[in-house]
């Protein structure tokens, strides 16, 4: 054994990442570490709390790119997009959904573990544009895009 590590949780839709640029990715919800396979050396790490902005929160990383991070809050399941060039954070449901859904999601109480959250799921990324599907329990489905500003 080269390195022993603890990972805290997975995302609500099992879309958490396990590798990035050939490195193993481990997260405890607060710090994301990129580990060199074979040596166990920590090559890089990201402070998820600093990026997400809430010291009482844990985060699950669902997408890691050179210019962006998609991560979800543990307490309410809100999907955030962090621009790695500016460190600016966007709460996606507030940007993509209409005001009635924003109100409903914003009033949700904390969840004990990852539950429905904001009903947003990343489908794909093409260049600087992210494609999301919004699905609710009533089988309502809508598609949205978000393009990085930088």
Protein backbone atom coordinates (compact mmCIF):
# COMPACT_ATOMS: atom_id res chain seq x y z
CA UNK A 1 0.00 0.00 0.00
CA UNK A 2 1.37 3.36 -1.05
CA UNK A 3 -1.22 5.72 0.40
CA UNK A 4 -4.25 5.31 2.60
CA UNK A 5 -7.02 7.84 2.10
CA UNK A 6 -10.58 8.39 3.19
CA UNK A 7 -13.36 9.53 0.90
CA UNK A 8 -16.54 10.71 2.49
CA UNK A 9 -19.46 10.35 0.09
CA UNK A 10 -20.63 10.15 -3.50
CA UNK A 11 -23.02 12.33 -5.42
CA UNK A 12 -26.75 11.88 -5.78
CA UNK A 13 -26.43 10.38 -9.23
CA UNK A 14 -23.12 8.51 -8.90
CA UNK A 15 -21.41 10.96 -11.24
CA UNK A 16 -18.52 11.79 -8.95
CA UNK A 17 -15.14 11.69 -10.63
CA UNK A 18 -12.34 9.27 -9.83
CA UNK A 19 -9.58 10.41 -12.20
CA UNK A 20 -8.36 13.65 -13.76
CA UNK A 21 -5.53 13.91 -16.30
CA UNK A 22 -4.30 10.43 -15.38
CA UNK A 23 -4.29 11.14 -11.64
CA UNK A 24 -6.45 9.49 -9.00
CA UNK A 25 -8.90 11.94 -7.42
CA UNK A 26 -9.84 11.63 -3.75
CA UNK A 27 -12.08 13.95 -1.80
CA UNK A 28 -13.23 14.10 1.80
CA UNK A 29 -15.81 16.74 0.94
CA UNK A 30 -13.53 19.58 2.02
CA UNK A 31 -10.26 19.00 0.12
CA UNK A 32 -9.90 17.34 -3.29
CA UNK A 33 -6.53 15.67 -3.81
CA UNK A 34 -5.00 14.54 -7.09
CA UNK A 35 -2.78 11.53 -6.47
CA UNK A 36 -0.10 10.19 -8.81
CA UNK A 37 -0.93 6.58 -9.62
CA UNK A 38 1.88 4.24 -8.65
CA UNK A 39 3.63 6.58 -6.21
CA UNK A 40 0.78 7.86 -4.05
CA UNK A 41 2.25 11.38 -4.19
CA UNK A 42 -0.22 14.25 -3.87
CA UNK A 43 0.36 16.23 -7.08
CA UNK A 44 -2.24 18.93 -6.49
CA UNK A 45 -5.13 19.73 -4.20
CA UNK A 46 -8.13 22.03 -4.27
CA UNK A 47 -9.81 23.60 -1.26
CA UNK A 48 -13.48 22.86 -2.02
CA UNK A 49 -14.70 24.85 0.98
CA UNK A 50 -12.88 27.97 -0.24
CA UNK A 51 -14.25 27.48 -3.75
CA UNK A 52 -17.80 26.76 -2.56
CA UNK A 53 -17.81 29.51 0.03
CA UNK A 54 -19.41 27.69 3.00
CA UNK A 55 -17.12 26.39 5.75
CA UNK A 56 -19.96 24.31 7.22
CA UNK A 57 -20.56 22.49 3.94
CA UNK A 58 -19.09 19.44 2.24
CA UNK A 59 -18.90 19.14 -1.53
CA UNK A 60 -18.93 16.29 -4.04
CA UNK A 61 -17.08 16.98 -7.30
CA UNK A 62 -19.04 15.86 -10.36
CA UNK A 63 -16.83 17.43 -13.02
CA UNK A 64 -13.23 18.60 -13.04
CA UNK A 65 -11.80 20.48 -15.99
CA UNK A 66 -8.82 22.76 -16.57
CA UNK A 67 -11.11 25.80 -16.53
CA UNK A 68 -14.08 24.70 -14.39
CA UNK A 69 -15.30 22.53 -11.52
CA UNK A 70 -18.81 21.19 -11.09
CA UNK A 71 -19.53 20.35 -7.47
CA UNK A 72 -22.62 19.67 -5.41
CA UNK A 73 -23.34 20.69 -1.84
CA UNK A 74 -23.90 17.80 0.56
CA UNK A 75 -26.60 19.39 2.69
CA UNK A 76 -29.02 20.44 -0.04
CA UNK A 77 -27.68 18.90 -3.24
CA UNK A 78 -27.17 22.20 -5.08
CA UNK A 79 -24.97 22.06 -8.18
CA UNK A 80 -22.30 24.77 -8.37
CA UNK A 81 -20.09 25.69 -11.30
CA UNK A 82 -16.75 27.23 -10.37
CA UNK A 83 -14.79 29.11 -13.01
CA UNK A 84 -11.20 28.10 -12.22
CA UNK A 85 -9.80 31.18 -13.97
CA UNK A 86 -11.71 33.64 -11.77
CA UNK A 87 -12.78 31.35 -8.84
CA UNK A 88 -16.28 32.76 -9.36
CA UNK A 89 -19.03 30.40 -8.20
CA UNK A 90 -22.44 30.07 -9.87
CA UNK A 91 -25.35 28.25 -8.21
CA UNK A 92 -26.79 26.75 -11.38
CA UNK A 93 -30.44 26.35 -10.41
CA UNK A 94 -30.55 30.12 -9.77
CA UNK A 95 -29.19 30.78 -13.26
CA UNK A 96 -31.09 28.19 -15.26
CA UNK A 97 -34.53 27.63 -13.72
CA UNK A 98 -37.62 29.83 -13.71
CA UNK A 99 -38.57 31.74 -10.55
CA UNK A 100 -41.19 29.23 -9.38
CA UNK A 101 -38.65 26.38 -9.40
CA UNK A 102 -36.00 28.63 -7.87
CA UNK A 103 -38.37 29.39 -5.01
CA UNK A 104 -39.31 25.75 -4.49
CA UNK A 105 -35.70 24.54 -4.53
CA UNK A 106 -34.52 27.47 -2.41
CA UNK A 107 -37.04 26.61 0.31
CA UNK A 108 -36.08 22.93 0.51
CA UNK A 109 -34.85 21.82 3.90
CA UNK A 110 -31.50 20.15 4.39
CA UNK A 111 -31.30 16.54 3.32
CA UNK A 112 -29.66 13.88 5.47
CA UNK A 113 -27.82 12.45 2.49
CA UNK A 114 -27.80 13.29 -1.18
CA UNK A 115 -31.39 13.29 -2.33
CA UNK A 116 -33.15 15.06 -5.15
CA UNK A 117 -31.31 18.33 -4.63
CA UNK A 118 -31.91 20.75 -7.50
CA UNK A 119 -32.83 18.08 -10.10
CA UNK A 120 -29.98 19.19 -12.40
CA UNK A 121 -27.64 16.70 -14.01
CA UNK A 122 -24.77 17.35 -16.40
CA UNK A 123 -25.25 15.60 -19.74
CA UNK A 124 -22.15 16.76 -21.59
CA UNK A 125 -19.77 19.59 -22.26
CA UNK A 126 -18.87 20.97 -25.68
CA UNK A 127 -16.13 23.60 -25.72
CA UNK A 128 -17.18 26.19 -23.09
CA UNK A 129 -20.85 25.14 -22.96
CA UNK A 130 -22.32 22.76 -20.38
CA UNK A 131 -25.55 20.89 -21.18
CA UNK A 132 -27.86 19.98 -18.31
CA UNK A 133 -31.10 18.05 -17.90
CA UNK A 134 -33.60 19.12 -15.25
CA UNK A 135 -35.73 16.16 -14.08
CA UNK A 136 -38.31 16.18 -11.31
CA UNK A 137 -40.23 13.33 -9.71
CA UNK A 138 -43.22 14.22 -11.90
CA UNK A 139 -41.20 13.14 -14.97
CA UNK A 140 -40.89 16.73 -16.09
CA UNK A 141 -37.74 17.12 -18.20
CA UNK A 142 -36.17 20.29 -19.55
CA UNK A 143 -32.78 20.99 -21.08
CA UNK A 144 -30.53 23.94 -20.31
CA UNK A 145 -27.11 25.20 -21.29
CA UNK A 146 -24.62 27.33 -19.43
CA UNK A 147 -21.57 28.84 -21.13
CA UNK A 148 -18.48 29.87 -19.20
CA UNK A 149 -18.01 33.62 -19.28
CA UNK A 150 -14.22 33.53 -19.43
